Amino acid sequence: MHDRMRIEDLQNSNIDDVIYVCSSKRLSDPVHQEVVRLKKLWLKEMLDKYGSCAKIAYYKEKPAAQILYYPEAADKAKAFKREGVLFINCIYNPTTEAQKLGLGKMLLQSVIRDVRQRKSCLGSKPCRFILANAFNTGELLPMPNFYENMVSFRQMKKARCISL
């Protein structure tokens, strides 16, 4: 099964794949097209300034799921920004045939591995902790439950490396 799944870091060449995962059902909506345009600009800006800020999971060679993350210091809406904090905005898998295969877990584990090796969008700086936006999308498994089910999450929480 794993030979049908792979994870890629965000690059200029696969920005459309991140957009597809988030917006596949609304790509023809003219109002949503403006949102897509703005998100592409933001992703390119983040990529240029911080490096990869997303990972895409492919299932059967098609984009199926994604994780979006960035340094807390990059959040223009936050008044108080901490250095060395990685913010996971969302993990999303809307692809019915690719659900319950562990893609979300693979995405999160890939980010955690990058943080440990100082290869995340924090540059070569150490990560003090990971902060996750654990909200309910109304689809399948709510994110708070997803994080609670993660074995590596429990281990990281015990080590005080992840905060919700």
C-alpha atoms as a PDB file:
ATOM      1  CA  MET A   1       0.000   0.000   0.000  1.00  0.00           C
ATOM      2  CA  HIS A   2       2.810   2.431   0.873  1.00  0.00           C
ATOM      3  CA  ASP A   3       4.189   2.115  -2.651  1.00  0.00           C
ATOM      4  CA  ARG A   4       1.023   3.921  -3.793  1.00  0.00           C
ATOM      5  CA  MET A   5       1.609   6.813  -1.344  1.00  0.00           C
ATOM      6  CA  ARG A   6       4.340   9.417  -1.193  1.00  0.00           C
ATOM      7  CA  ILE A   7       4.990  12.743   0.543  1.00  0.00           C
ATOM      8  CA  GLU A   8       6.536  15.790  -1.147  1.00  0.00           C
ATOM      9  CA  ASP A   9       7.615  19.136   0.270  1.00  0.00           C
ATOM     10  CA  LEU A  10       5.999  22.212  -1.240  1.00  0.00           C
ATOM     11  CA  GLN A  11       7.927  23.595  -4.214  1.00  0.00           C
ATOM     12  CA  ASN A  12       7.023  26.093  -6.921  1.00  0.00           C
ATOM     13  CA  SER A  13       6.324  23.134  -9.212  1.00  0.00           C
ATOM     14  CA  ASN A  14       3.613  21.602  -6.986  1.00  0.00           C
ATOM     15  CA  ILE A  15       1.807  24.644  -5.561  1.00  0.00           C
ATOM     16  CA  ASP A  16      -1.207  23.775  -7.712  1.00  0.00           C
ATOM     17  CA  ASP A  17      -1.362  20.368  -5.986  1.00  0.00           C
ATOM     18  CA  VAL A  18      -1.777  22.029  -2.554  1.00  0.00           C
ATOM     19  CA  ILE A  19      -4.495  24.242  -4.036  1.00  0.00           C
ATOM     20  CA  TYR A  20      -6.192  21.199  -5.571  1.00  0.00           C
ATOM     21  CA  VAL A  21      -6.327  19.344  -2.237  1.00  0.00           C
ATOM     22  CA  CYS A  22      -7.919  22.320  -0.490  1.00  0.00           C
ATOM     23  CA  SER A  23     -10.173  23.518  -3.280  1.00  0.00           C
ATOM     24  CA  SER A  24     -10.927  20.715  -5.745  1.00  0.00           C
ATOM     25  CA  LYS A  25     -14.680  20.992  -5.221  1.00  0.00           C
ATOM     26  CA  ARG A  26     -14.717  24.772  -5.759  1.00  0.00           C
ATOM     27  CA  LEU A  27     -12.195  25.398  -8.524  1.00  0.00           C
ATOM     28  CA  SER A  28     -14.888  26.536 -10.992  1.00  0.00           C
ATOM     29  CA  ASP A  29     -16.425  29.028  -8.522  1.00  0.00           C
ATOM     30  CA  PRO A  30     -15.412  32.547  -9.704  1.00  0.00           C
ATOM     31  CA  VAL A  31     -15.379  33.943  -6.150  1.00  0.00           C
ATOM     32  CA  HIS A  32     -13.202  31.100  -4.942  1.00  0.00           C
ATOM     33  CA  GLN A  33     -10.781  31.668  -7.840  1.00  0.00           C
ATOM     34  CA  GLU A  34      -9.740  34.949  -6.180  1.00  0.00           C
ATOM     35  CA  VAL A  35      -9.085  33.057  -2.934  1.00  0.00           C
ATOM     36  CA  VAL A  36      -6.967  30.584  -4.908  1.00  0.00           C
ATOM     37  CA  ARG A  37      -5.002  33.440  -6.516  1.00  0.00           C
ATOM     38  CA  LEU A  38      -4.276  34.989  -3.094  1.00  0.00           C
ATOM     39  CA  LYS A  39      -3.326  31.640  -1.569  1.00  0.00           C
ATOM     40  CA  LYS A  40      -0.878  30.949  -4.413  1.00  0.00           C
ATOM     41  CA  LEU A  41       0.746  34.336  -3.845  1.00  0.00           C
ATOM     42  CA  TRP A  42       0.997  33.651  -0.111  1.00  0.00           C
ATOM     43  CA  LEU A  43       2.467  30.170  -0.672  1.00  0.00           C
ATOM     44  CA  LYS A  44       5.075  31.570  -3.087  1.00  0.00           C
ATOM     45  CA  GLU A  45       5.972  34.327  -0.608  1.00  0.00           C
ATOM     46  CA  MET A  46       6.329  31.810   2.226  1.00  0.00           C
ATOM     47  CA  LEU A  47       8.376  29.473   0.041  1.00  0.00           C
ATOM     48  CA  ASP A  48      10.748  32.280  -0.942  1.00  0.00           C
ATOM     49  CA  LYS A  49      11.136  33.612   2.600  1.00  0.00           C
ATOM     50  CA  TYR A  50      11.001  30.478   4.773  1.00  0.00           C
ATOM     51  CA  GLY A  51      11.262  27.448   2.515  1.00  0.00           C
ATOM     52  CA  SER A  52       8.667  24.712   2.325  1.00  0.00           C
ATOM     53  CA  CYS A  53       5.597  25.476   4.434  1.00  0.00           C
ATOM     54  CA  ALA A  54       3.467  22.567   3.261  1.00  0.00           C
ATOM     55  CA  LYS A  55       3.700  18.929   2.359  1.00  0.00           C
ATOM     56  CA  ILE A  56       1.500  17.091  -0.094  1.00  0.00           C
ATOM     57  CA  ALA A  57       0.549  13.430   0.191  1.00  0.00           C
ATOM     58  CA  TYR A  58       0.034  11.682  -3.118  1.00  0.00           C
ATOM     59  CA  TYR A  59      -2.068   8.555  -3.466  1.00  0.00           C
ATOM     60  CA  LYS A  60      -1.927   6.684  -6.768  1.00  0.00           C
ATOM     61  CA  GLU A  61       0.102   9.611  -8.147  1.00  0.00           C
ATOM     62  CA  LYS A  62      -2.651  12.169  -7.420  1.00  0.00           C
ATOM     63  CA  PRO A  63      -2.595  14.880  -4.722  1.00  0.00           C
ATOM     64  CA  ALA A  64      -4.796  13.546  -1.917  1.00  0.00           C
ATOM     65  CA  ALA A  65      -3.907  15.296   1.367  1.00  0.00           C
ATOM     66  CA  GLN A  66      -1.806  18.144   2.705  1.00  0.00           C
ATOM     67  CA  ILE A  67      -0.349  19.692   5.831  1.00  0.00           C
ATOM     68  CA  LEU A  68       0.164  23.448   6.019  1.00  0.00           C
ATOM     69  CA  TYR A  69       2.644  24.878   8.551  1.00  0.00           C
ATOM     70  CA  TYR A  70       4.824  27.928   9.037  1.00  0.00           C
ATOM     71  CA  PRO A  71       6.860  29.760  11.675  1.00  0.00           C
ATOM     72  CA  GLU A  72       4.634  31.511  14.184  1.00  0.00           C
ATOM     73  CA  ALA A  73       6.796  34.591  13.564  1.00  0.00           C
ATOM     74  CA  ALA A  74       5.448  34.688   9.964  1.00  0.00           C
ATOM     75  CA  ASP A  75       1.834  35.172  11.070  1.00  0.00           C
ATOM     76  CA  LYS A  76       1.042  38.790  10.233  1.00  0.00           C
ATOM     77  CA  ALA A  77      -2.169  38.694  12.279  1.00  0.00           C
ATOM     78  CA  LYS A  78      -0.465  37.743  15.561  1.00  0.00           C
ATOM     79  CA  ALA A  79       0.614  40.518  17.880  1.00  0.00           C
ATOM     80  CA  PHE A  80       2.882  38.275  19.991  1.00  0.00           C
ATOM     81  CA  LYS A  81       5.171  36.078  17.902  1.00  0.00           C
ATOM     82  CA  ARG A  82       7.603  33.561  19.350  1.00  0.00           C
ATOM     83  CA  GLU A  83      10.800  32.546  17.606  1.00  0.00           C
ATOM     84  CA  GLY A  84      11.346  28.820  17.181  1.00  0.00           C
ATOM     85  CA  VAL A  85       7.637  27.974  17.176  1.00  0.00           C
ATOM     86  CA  LEU A  86       6.222  26.016  14.255  1.00  0.00           C
ATOM     87  CA  PHE A  87       2.490  26.483  13.706  1.00  0.00           C
ATOM     88  CA  ILE A  88       0.545  23.692  11.991  1.00  0.00           C
ATOM     89  CA  ASN A  89      -2.468  25.392  10.457  1.00  0.00           C
ATOM     90  CA  CYS A  90      -4.185  22.267   9.126  1.00  0.00           C
ATOM     91  CA  ILE A  91      -3.916  18.685   8.021  1.00  0.00           C
ATOM     92  CA  TYR A  92      -6.547  17.918   5.408  1.00  0.00           C
ATOM     93  CA  ASN A  93      -7.479  14.810   3.434  1.00  0.00           C
ATOM     94  CA  PRO A  94     -10.713  15.282   1.467  1.00  0.00           C
ATOM     95  CA  THR A  95      -9.980  12.390  -0.917  1.00  0.00           C
ATOM     96  CA  THR A  96     -12.459   9.639  -0.010  1.00  0.00           C
ATOM     97  CA  GLU A  97     -10.436   6.753  -1.463  1.00  0.00           C
ATOM     98  CA  ALA A  98      -7.306   7.953   0.362  1.00  0.00           C
ATOM     99  CA  GLN A  99      -8.875   8.322   3.805  1.00  0.00           C
ATOM    100  CA  LYS A 100      -8.049   5.973   6.690  1.00  0.00           C
ATOM    101  CA  LEU A 101      -4.756   4.991   5.035  1.00  0.00           C
ATOM    102  CA  GLY A 102      -2.517   6.956   7.400  1.00  0.00           C
ATOM    103  CA  LEU A 103      -1.726   9.881   5.080  1.00  0.00           C
ATOM    104  CA  GLY A 104      -2.365  12.449   7.830  1.00  0.00           C
ATOM    105  CA  LYS A 105      -0.077  10.571  10.186  1.00  0.00           C
ATOM    106  CA  MET A 106       2.601  10.320   7.485  1.00  0.00           C
ATOM    107  CA  LEU A 107       2.366  14.077   6.855  1.00  0.00           C
ATOM    108  CA  LEU A 108       2.678  14.957  10.544  1.00  0.00           C
ATOM    109  CA  GLN A 109       5.538  12.511  11.092  1.00  0.00           C
ATOM    110  CA  SER A 110       7.364  14.018   8.103  1.00  0.00           C
ATOM    111  CA  VAL A 111       7.095  17.523   9.582  1.00  0.00           C
ATOM    112  CA  ILE A 112       8.255  16.283  13.003  1.00  0.00           C
ATOM    113  CA  ARG A 113      11.202  14.504  11.365  1.00  0.00           C
ATOM    114  CA  ASP A 114      12.152  17.716   9.518  1.00  0.00           C
ATOM    115  CA  VAL A 115      11.925  19.734  12.740  1.00  0.00           C
ATOM    116  CA  ARG A 116      14.187  17.294  14.552  1.00  0.00           C
ATOM    117  CA  GLN A 117      16.722  17.509  11.706  1.00  0.00           C
ATOM    118  CA  ARG A 118      16.317  21.314  11.537  1.00  0.00           C
ATOM    119  CA  LYS A 119      15.092  21.066   7.954  1.00  0.00           C
ATOM    120  CA  SER A 120      11.733  22.765   8.502  1.00  0.00           C
ATOM    121  CA  CYS A 121      10.737  26.248   7.423  1.00  0.00           C
ATOM    122  CA  LEU A 122      12.422  27.516  10.599  1.00  0.00           C
ATOM    123  CA  GLY A 123      15.690  27.261   8.706  1.00  0.00           C
ATOM    124  CA  SER A 124      18.489  25.724  10.698  1.00  0.00           C
ATOM    125  CA  LYS A 125      17.153  27.215  13.930  1.00  0.00           C
ATOM    126  CA  PRO A 126      15.933  24.857  16.646  1.00  0.00           C
ATOM    127  CA  CYS A 127      12.224  24.354  17.130  1.00  0.00           C
ATOM    128  CA  ARG A 128      11.106  25.123  20.687  1.00  0.00           C
ATOM    129  CA  PHE A 129       7.689  23.555  20.128  1.00  0.00           C
ATOM    130  CA  ILE A 130       4.970  22.843  17.589  1.00  0.00           C
ATOM    131  CA  LEU A 131       1.592  24.503  17.976  1.00  0.00           C
ATOM    132  CA  ALA A 132      -1.334  22.896  16.134  1.00  0.00           C
ATOM    133  CA  ASN A 133      -4.629  24.461  15.113  1.00  0.00           C
ATOM    134  CA  ALA A 134      -6.867  21.557  16.094  1.00  0.00           C
ATOM    135  CA  PHE A 135     -10.242  22.470  14.652  1.00  0.00           C
ATOM    136  CA  ASN A 136     -13.127  20.387  13.364  1.00  0.00           C
ATOM    137  CA  THR A 137     -13.597  20.529   9.584  1.00  0.00           C
ATOM    138  CA  GLY A 138     -16.945  18.756   9.848  1.00  0.00           C
ATOM    139  CA  GLU A 139     -15.537  15.965   7.715  1.00  0.00           C
ATOM    140  CA  LEU A 140     -14.432  12.524   8.852  1.00  0.00           C
ATOM    141  CA  LEU A 141     -12.152  12.687  11.935  1.00  0.00           C
ATOM    142  CA  PRO A 142     -12.033  16.012  13.832  1.00  0.00           C
ATOM    143  CA  MET A 143      -8.458  17.260  14.164  1.00  0.00           C
ATOM    144  CA  PRO A 144      -8.482  17.225  17.995  1.00  0.00           C
ATOM    145  CA  ASN A 145      -9.252  13.488  17.806  1.00  0.00           C
ATOM    146  CA  PHE A 146      -6.615  12.984  15.105  1.00  0.00           C
ATOM    147  CA  TYR A 147      -3.913  14.500  17.319  1.00  0.00           C
ATOM    148  CA  GLU A 148      -5.055  12.518  20.353  1.00  0.00           C
ATOM    149  CA  ASN A 149      -4.808   9.301  18.334  1.00  0.00           C
ATOM    150  CA  MET A 150      -1.249   9.948  17.254  1.00  0.00           C
ATOM    151  CA  VAL A 151       1.245   7.761  19.076  1.00  0.00           C
ATOM    152  CA  SER A 152       4.133  10.050  18.134  1.00  0.00           C
ATOM    153  CA  PHE A 153       2.023  13.009  19.267  1.00  0.00           C
ATOM    154  CA  ARG A 154       1.615  11.463  22.731  1.00  0.00           C
ATOM    155  CA  GLN A 155       5.353  10.826  22.886  1.00  0.00           C
ATOM    156  CA  MET A 156       6.137  14.390  21.800  1.00  0.00           C
ATOM    157  CA  LYS A 157       3.609  15.827  24.240  1.00  0.00           C
ATOM    158  CA  LYS A 158       5.262  13.943  27.083  1.00  0.00           C
ATOM    159  CA  ALA A 159       8.560  15.464  26.001  1.00  0.00           C
ATOM    160  CA  ARG A 160       6.899  18.913  25.942  1.00  0.00           C
ATOM    161  CA  CYS A 161       7.724  19.393  22.265  1.00  0.00           C
ATOM    162  CA  ILE A 162       4.171  19.882  21.027  1.00  0.00           C
ATOM    163  CA  SER A 163       1.450  22.094  22.386  1.00  0.00           C
ATOM    164  CA  LEU A 164      -2.183  22.305  21.327  1.00  0.00           C
END
